[in-house]
Structure formats: structure tokens, C-alpha cells
Amino acid sequence: MENITEMLKGVLEGCVLEIISRGETYGYEITQQLRELGFTDVVEGTVYTITMRLEKNNLVNIEKKPSTMGPPRKFYTLNAAGQEHLEIFWKKWDFVSSKIDELKTKIKSKGEVI
């Protein structure tokens, strides 16, 4: 698939929050999980920027733990504000995706090529 980075910009934060909501994790692991889900264009720098924003907005708890290689790692868990933010994200996603599906259905029912 063509590069979809622009389209992803608005949803990656929600995806990262969802991954963090499933248990304690760190940046590289988040990047790997996104790649396993098919987000192959996502790079560590993008995830780093998102986790910094989540930290700044107090949506995650952070615990630094020693790493076998290099400096300590920041491990993220979702706090109550982050959980609320994630729920809002999914409500918005459900609305947008339902409207896109509705649009596709209307176009197809009129026999137009999409």
C-alpha cells in the first residue's frame, strides 16, 4: 500500500494509547507492535514524539527501569486520564469510520465507481 503516513497522523496517538492500555510497555516495544499490526512505515522517532506528548499531557504513568543495553528504559502505563482520552478517541473513531462506511455504501448503491 502507498505511504499512508499523512492519514495515520491523526490516529497513531490513539493506537499507541490502546497498546499502552493493554499493559506496561516501552517505546521500542510499541513500535514493534505497530509494525506487527501492519503499520510498517511507523518509525521509533514517531512513537517517541507521541509518548513524549502523552507524558506532557499526563495521560500515562512512567517508570524508569534498568536496561541490559544503554540507559534506563521508560515504561508506560495508562492512568485514569489516559483511559478517558482513549475512550474519547474510540468514540470519535467509531463516528468517523461509520460515516466513511455510510459514504461508501451510498456511492456503491448509486452504481458509481469509487
Foldseek 3Di string as FASTA:
>chain_A
DPDPVVVCPVPVLLLLLVVQAVDKDFQVVSVVVCVVVPNVVDDSVVSVVSVVVCVVVVQWDWDWDCDPDDGTTIITHGDPNVVVVSVVSVVVVVVVVVVVVVVVVVCVVVVHDD
